Amino acid sequence: MSATEVMEEINKLPSEEQKKLFVFLAEKVMTSREPKATEWLGKKLSFDQACDIVFRENRELFALLAK
């Protein structure tokens, strides 16, 4: 499945399922081995804080998702 197809499927999900996916992606960012991720590794973040991190660190991905 291509990235475009995955994004189309994500758009079809109910809002609650999209939120779960977003939290999953935020956790992936927080636990990655990249140096930037260690800034928040192990910290308890609110949903809004996690959203900010995910959008900031994955700007290109979310720009594509917005199309």
PDB file of N, CA and C in Angstrom:
ATOM      1  N   MET A   1       0.857  -1.170   0.000  1.00  0.00           N
ATOM      2  CA  MET A   1       0.000   0.000   0.000  1.00  0.00           C
ATOM      3  C   MET A   1       0.904   1.234   0.000  1.00  0.00           C
ATOM      4  N   SER A   2       0.592   2.195  -0.821  1.00  0.00           N
ATOM      5  CA  SER A   2       1.400   3.412  -0.904  1.00  0.00           C
ATOM      6  C   SER A   2       1.047   4.354   0.251  1.00  0.00           C
ATOM      7  N   ALA A   3       1.911   5.334   0.464  1.00  0.00           N
ATOM      8  CA  ALA A   3       1.655   6.328   1.501  1.00  0.00           C
ATOM      9  C   ALA A   3       0.367   7.095   1.200  1.00  0.00           C
ATOM     10  N   THR A   4       0.131   7.375  -0.061  1.00  0.00           N
ATOM     11  CA  THR A   4      -1.089   8.088  -0.453  1.00  0.00           C
ATOM     12  C   THR A   4      -2.327   7.273  -0.092  1.00  0.00           C
ATOM     13  N   GLU A   5      -2.275   5.984  -0.343  1.00  0.00           N
ATOM     14  CA  GLU A   5      -3.404   5.115  -0.002  1.00  0.00           C
ATOM     15  C   GLU A   5      -3.617   5.056   1.506  1.00  0.00           C
ATOM     16  N   VAL A   6      -2.533   5.014   2.256  1.00  0.00           N
ATOM     17  CA  VAL A   6      -2.637   5.006   3.715  1.00  0.00           C
ATOM     18  C   VAL A   6      -3.292   6.298   4.197  1.00  0.00           C
ATOM     19  N   MET A   7      -2.868   7.423   3.646  1.00  0.00           N
ATOM     20  CA  MET A   7      -3.444   8.711   4.041  1.00  0.00           C
ATOM     21  C   MET A   7      -4.928   8.779   3.702  1.00  0.00           C
ATOM     22  N   GLU A   8      -5.308   8.237   2.567  1.00  0.00           N
ATOM     23  CA  GLU A   8      -6.722   8.219   2.190  1.00  0.00           C
ATOM     24  C   GLU A   8      -7.529   7.382   3.176  1.00  0.00           C
ATOM     25  N   GLU A   9      -6.960   6.274   3.609  1.00  0.00           N
ATOM     26  CA  GLU A   9      -7.641   5.420   4.582  1.00  0.00           C
ATOM     27  C   GLU A   9      -7.756   6.119   5.939  1.00  0.00           C
ATOM     28  N   ILE A  10      -6.711   6.848   6.328  1.00  0.00           N
ATOM     29  CA  ILE A  10      -6.748   7.594   7.588  1.00  0.00           C
ATOM     30  C   ILE A  10      -7.869   8.624   7.550  1.00  0.00           C
ATOM     31  N   ASN A  11      -8.034   9.279   6.419  1.00  0.00           N
ATOM     32  CA  ASN A  11      -9.102  10.282   6.291  1.00  0.00           C
ATOM     33  C   ASN A  11     -10.487   9.670   6.436  1.00  0.00           C
ATOM     34  N   LYS A  12     -10.616   8.397   6.146  1.00  0.00           N
ATOM     35  CA  LYS A  12     -11.915   7.718   6.238  1.00  0.00           C
ATOM     36  C   LYS A  12     -12.252   7.296   7.674  1.00  0.00           C
ATOM     37  N   LEU A  13     -11.246   7.285   8.543  1.00  0.00           N
ATOM     38  CA  LEU A  13     -11.460   6.848   9.919  1.00  0.00           C
ATOM     39  C   LEU A  13     -12.319   7.845  10.693  1.00  0.00           C
ATOM     40  N   PRO A  14     -13.095   7.329  11.640  1.00  0.00           N
ATOM     41  CA  PRO A  14     -13.831   8.237  12.528  1.00  0.00           C
ATOM     42  C   PRO A  14     -12.841   9.071  13.346  1.00  0.00           C
ATOM     43  N   SER A  15     -13.298  10.198  13.805  1.00  0.00           N
ATOM     44  CA  SER A  15     -12.454  11.133  14.552  1.00  0.00           C
ATOM     45  C   SER A  15     -11.731  10.457  15.721  1.00  0.00           C
ATOM     46  N   GLU A  16     -12.419   9.634  16.460  1.00  0.00           N
ATOM     47  CA  GLU A  16     -11.823   8.969  17.628  1.00  0.00           C
ATOM     48  C   GLU A  16     -10.677   8.043  17.211  1.00  0.00           C
ATOM     49  N   GLU A  17     -10.835   7.349  16.119  1.00  0.00           N
ATOM     50  CA  GLU A  17      -9.775   6.474  15.621  1.00  0.00           C
ATOM     51  C   GLU A  17      -8.582   7.287  15.122  1.00  0.00           C
ATOM     52  N   GLN A  18      -8.848   8.436  14.510  1.00  0.00           N
ATOM     53  CA  GLN A  18      -7.758   9.311  14.069  1.00  0.00           C
ATOM     54  C   GLN A  18      -6.962   9.807  15.278  1.00  0.00           C
ATOM     55  N   LYS A  19      -7.657  10.111  16.378  1.00  0.00           N
ATOM     56  CA  LYS A  19      -6.968  10.536  17.600  1.00  0.00           C
ATOM     57  C   LYS A  19      -6.051   9.436  18.120  1.00  0.00           C
ATOM     58  N   LYS A  20      -6.545   8.199  18.103  1.00  0.00           N
ATOM     59  CA  LYS A  20      -5.720   7.075  18.569  1.00  0.00           C
ATOM     60  C   LYS A  20      -4.468   6.935  17.706  1.00  0.00           C
ATOM     61  N   LEU A  21      -4.631   7.099  16.418  1.00  0.00           N
ATOM     62  CA  LEU A  21      -3.496   7.029  15.507  1.00  0.00           C
ATOM     63  C   LEU A  21      -2.510   8.152  15.795  1.00  0.00           C
ATOM     64  N   PHE A  22      -3.026   9.331  16.050  1.00  0.00           N
ATOM     65  CA  PHE A  22      -2.174  10.479  16.350  1.00  0.00           C
ATOM     66  C   PHE A  22      -1.369  10.230  17.625  1.00  0.00           C
ATOM     67  N   VAL A  23      -2.004   9.684  18.643  1.00  0.00           N
ATOM     68  CA  VAL A  23      -1.301   9.361  19.887  1.00  0.00           C
ATOM     69  C   VAL A  23      -0.221   8.313  19.620  1.00  0.00           C
ATOM     70  N   PHE A  24      -0.538   7.323  18.808  1.00  0.00           N
ATOM     71  CA  PHE A  24       0.446   6.309  18.446  1.00  0.00           C
ATOM     72  C   PHE A  24       1.663   6.951  17.783  1.00  0.00           C
ATOM     73  N   LEU A  25       1.429   7.865  16.830  1.00  0.00           N
ATOM     74  CA  LEU A  25       2.531   8.542  16.154  1.00  0.00           C
ATOM     75  C   LEU A  25       3.335   9.396  17.132  1.00  0.00           C
ATOM     76  N   ALA A  26       2.651  10.057  18.051  1.00  0.00           N
ATOM     77  CA  ALA A  26       3.348  10.877  19.047  1.00  0.00           C
ATOM     78  C   ALA A  26       4.256  10.008  19.909  1.00  0.00           C
ATOM     79  N   GLU A  27       3.764   8.833  20.296  1.00  0.00           N
ATOM     80  CA  GLU A  27       4.580   7.924  21.098  1.00  0.00           C
ATOM     81  C   GLU A  27       5.789   7.434  20.314  1.00  0.00           C
ATOM     82  N   LYS A  28       5.610   7.193  19.027  1.00  0.00           N
ATOM     83  CA  LYS A  28       6.727   6.772  18.187  1.00  0.00           C
ATOM     84  C   LYS A  28       7.810   7.841  18.165  1.00  0.00           C
ATOM     85  N   VAL A  29       7.396   9.100  18.046  1.00  0.00           N
ATOM     86  CA  VAL A  29       8.354  10.203  18.037  1.00  0.00           C
ATOM     87  C   VAL A  29       9.066  10.273  19.383  1.00  0.00           C
ATOM     88  N   MET A  30       8.315  10.133  20.452  1.00  0.00           N
ATOM     89  CA  MET A  30       8.893  10.257  21.794  1.00  0.00           C
ATOM     90  C   MET A  30       9.874   9.143  22.112  1.00  0.00           C
ATOM     91  N   THR A  31       9.695   7.982  21.527  1.00  0.00           N
ATOM     92  CA  THR A  31      10.553   6.855  21.877  1.00  0.00           C
ATOM     93  C   THR A  31      11.601   6.535  20.820  1.00  0.00           C
ATOM     94  N   SER A  32      11.672   7.364  19.793  1.00  0.00           N
ATOM     95  CA  SER A  32      12.675   7.110  18.761  1.00  0.00           C
ATOM     96  C   SER A  32      14.068   7.373  19.322  1.00  0.00           C
ATOM     97  N   ARG A  33      15.064   6.894  18.630  1.00  0.00           N
ATOM     98  CA  ARG A  33      16.450   7.041  19.075  1.00  0.00           C
ATOM     99  C   ARG A  33      17.100   8.327  18.565  1.00  0.00           C
ATOM    100  N   GLU A  34      16.339   9.161  17.892  1.00  0.00           N
ATOM    101  CA  GLU A  34      16.893  10.399  17.373  1.00  0.00           C
ATOM    102  C   GLU A  34      17.211  11.347  18.528  1.00  0.00           C
ATOM    103  N   PRO A  35      18.297  12.114  18.414  1.00  0.00           N
ATOM    104  CA  PRO A  35      18.690  13.026  19.494  1.00  0.00           C
ATOM    105  C   PRO A  35      17.600  13.993  19.923  1.00  0.00           C
ATOM    106  N   LYS A  36      16.840  14.529  18.968  1.00  0.00           N
ATOM    107  CA  LYS A  36      15.784  15.486  19.316  1.00  0.00           C
ATOM    108  C   LYS A  36      14.719  14.839  20.201  1.00  0.00           C
ATOM    109  N   ALA A  37      14.454  13.559  19.982  1.00  0.00           N
ATOM    110  CA  ALA A  37      13.393  12.887  20.726  1.00  0.00           C
ATOM    111  C   ALA A  37      13.737  12.760  22.204  1.00  0.00           C
ATOM    112  N   THR A  38      15.014  12.721  22.537  1.00  0.00           N
ATOM    113  CA  THR A  38      15.394  12.541  23.934  1.00  0.00           C
ATOM    114  C   THR A  38      15.003  13.731  24.798  1.00  0.00           C
ATOM    115  N   GLU A  39      14.736  14.875  24.166  1.00  0.00           N
ATOM    116  CA  GLU A  39      14.310  16.041  24.939  1.00  0.00           C
ATOM    117  C   GLU A  39      13.024  15.771  25.714  1.00  0.00           C
ATOM    118  N   TRP A  40      12.126  14.957  25.162  1.00  0.00           N
ATOM    119  CA  TRP A  40      10.855  14.688  25.835  1.00  0.00           C
ATOM    120  C   TRP A  40      10.696  13.230  26.235  1.00  0.00           C
ATOM    121  N   LEU A  41      11.689  12.429  25.992  1.00  0.00           N
ATOM    122  CA  LEU A  41      11.631  11.012  26.351  1.00  0.00           C
ATOM    123  C   LEU A  41      11.424  10.860  27.856  1.00  0.00           C
ATOM    124  N   GLY A  42      10.427  10.112  28.233  1.00  0.00           N
ATOM    125  CA  GLY A  42      10.144   9.861  29.637  1.00  0.00           C
ATOM    126  C   GLY A  42       9.318  10.933  30.317  1.00  0.00           C
ATOM    127  N   LYS A  43       9.023  12.012  29.625  1.00  0.00           N
ATOM    128  CA  LYS A  43       8.202  13.066  30.208  1.00  0.00           C
ATOM    129  C   LYS A  43       6.734  12.786  29.934  1.00  0.00           C
ATOM    130  N   LYS A  44       5.906  13.123  30.895  1.00  0.00           N
ATOM    131  CA  LYS A  44       4.465  12.999  30.691  1.00  0.00           C
ATOM    132  C   LYS A  44       3.993  14.273  30.014  1.00  0.00           C
ATOM    133  N   LEU A  45       3.430  14.101  28.834  1.00  0.00           N
ATOM    134  CA  LEU A  45       2.974  15.242  28.053  1.00  0.00           C
ATOM    135  C   LEU A  45       1.461  15.234  27.942  1.00  0.00           C
ATOM    136  N   SER A  46       0.904  16.416  27.893  1.00  0.00           N
ATOM    137  CA  SER A  46      -0.528  16.512  27.625  1.00  0.00           C
ATOM    138  C   SER A  46      -0.756  16.209  26.149  1.00  0.00           C
ATOM    139  N   PHE A  47      -1.984  15.990  25.769  1.00  0.00           N
ATOM    140  CA  PHE A  47      -2.302  15.736  24.368  1.00  0.00           C
ATOM    141  C   PHE A  47      -1.836  16.909  23.504  1.00  0.00           C
ATOM    142  N   ASP A  48      -2.083  18.124  23.974  1.00  0.00           N
ATOM    143  CA  ASP A  48      -1.690  19.318  23.205  1.00  0.00           C
ATOM    144  C   ASP A  48      -0.177  19.404  23.047  1.00  0.00           C
ATOM    145  N   GLN A  49       0.568  19.090  24.102  1.00  0.00           N
ATOM    146  CA  GLN A  49       2.028  19.108  24.007  1.00  0.00           C
ATOM    147  C   GLN A  49       2.519  18.055  23.024  1.00  0.00           C
ATOM    148  N   ALA A  50       1.933  16.869  23.090  1.00  0.00           N
ATOM    149  CA  ALA A  50       2.323  15.797  22.170  1.00  0.00           C
ATOM    150  C   ALA A  50       1.999  16.200  20.727  1.00  0.00           C
ATOM    151  N   CYS A  51       0.853  16.820  20.524  1.00  0.00           N
ATOM    152  CA  CYS A  51       0.478  17.284  19.180  1.00  0.00           C
ATOM    153  C   CYS A  51       1.504  18.279  18.655  1.00  0.00           C
ATOM    154  N   ASP A  52       1.894  19.195  19.508  1.00  0.00           N
ATOM    155  CA  ASP A  52       2.878  20.194  19.103  1.00  0.00           C
ATOM    156  C   ASP A  52       4.176  19.533  18.659  1.00  0.00           C
ATOM    157  N   ILE A  53       4.635  18.563  19.406  1.00  0.00           N
ATOM    158  CA  ILE A  53       5.880  17.862  19.073  1.00  0.00           C
ATOM    159  C   ILE A  53       5.738  17.103  17.767  1.00  0.00           C
ATOM    160  N   VAL A  54       4.665  16.360  17.635  1.00  0.00           N
ATOM    161  CA  VAL A  54       4.473  15.547  16.437  1.00  0.00           C
ATOM    162  C   VAL A  54       4.385  16.430  15.193  1.00  0.00           C
ATOM    163  N   PHE A  55       3.617  17.511  15.280  1.00  0.00           N
ATOM    164  CA  PHE A  55       3.497  18.386  14.117  1.00  0.00           C
ATOM    165  C   PHE A  55       4.818  19.078  13.800  1.00  0.00           C
ATOM    166  N   ARG A  56       5.541  19.490  14.822  1.00  0.00           N
ATOM    167  CA  ARG A  56       6.807  20.183  14.604  1.00  0.00           C
ATOM    168  C   ARG A  56       7.859  19.244  14.013  1.00  0.00           C
ATOM    169  N   GLU A  57       7.922  18.016  14.514  1.00  0.00           N
ATOM    170  CA  GLU A  57       8.939  17.068  14.072  1.00  0.00           C
ATOM    171  C   GLU A  57       8.583  16.384  12.757  1.00  0.00           C
ATOM    172  N   ASN A  58       7.323  16.423  12.376  1.00  0.00           N
ATOM    173  CA  ASN A  58       6.872  15.731  11.169  1.00  0.00           C
ATOM    174  C   ASN A  58       6.127  16.676  10.243  1.00  0.00           C
ATOM    175  N   ARG A  59       6.614  17.883  10.145  1.00  0.00           N
ATOM    176  CA  ARG A  59       5.940  18.922   9.365  1.00  0.00           C
ATOM    177  C   ARG A  59       5.651  18.473   7.935  1.00  0.00           C
ATOM    178  N   GLU A  60       6.636  17.840   7.284  1.00  0.00           N
ATOM    179  CA  GLU A  60       6.445  17.404   5.894  1.00  0.00           C
ATOM    180  C   GLU A  60       5.362  16.344   5.787  1.00  0.00           C
ATOM    181  N   LEU A  61       5.373  15.385   6.707  1.00  0.00           N
ATOM    182  CA  LEU A  61       4.365  14.328   6.683  1.00  0.00           C
ATOM    183  C   LEU A  61       2.960  14.905   6.839  1.00  0.00           C
ATOM    184  N   PHE A  62       2.790  15.781   7.791  1.00  0.00           N
ATOM    185  CA  PHE A  62       1.455  16.325   8.027  1.00  0.00           C
ATOM    186  C   PHE A  62       1.026  17.285   6.926  1.00  0.00           C
ATOM    187  N   ALA A  63       1.968  17.912   6.260  1.00  0.00           N
ATOM    188  CA  ALA A  63       1.617  18.739   5.101  1.00  0.00           C
ATOM    189  C   ALA A  63       1.029  17.843   4.011  1.00  0.00           C
ATOM    190  N   LEU A  64       1.629  16.662   3.845  1.00  0.00           N
ATOM    191  CA  LEU A  64       1.097  15.727   2.868  1.00  0.00           C
ATOM    192  C   LEU A  64      -0.257  15.180   3.295  1.00  0.00           C
ATOM    193  N   LEU A  65      -0.431  14.908   4.575  1.00  0.00           N
ATOM    194  CA  LEU A  65      -1.698  14.412   5.083  1.00  0.00           C
ATOM    195  C   LEU A  65      -2.818  15.450   4.911  1.00  0.00           C
ATOM    196  N   ALA A  66      -2.461  16.710   4.974  1.00  0.00           N
ATOM    197  CA  ALA A  66      -3.464  17.775   4.873  1.00  0.00           C
ATOM    198  C   ALA A  66      -4.002  17.931   3.455  1.00  0.00           C
ATOM    199  N   LYS A  67      -3.267  17.419   2.462  1.00  0.00           N
ATOM    200  CA  LYS A  67      -3.698  17.565   1.070  1.00  0.00           C
ATOM    201  C   LYS A  67      -4.872  16.693   0.741  1.00  0.00           C
TER     202      LYS A  67
END
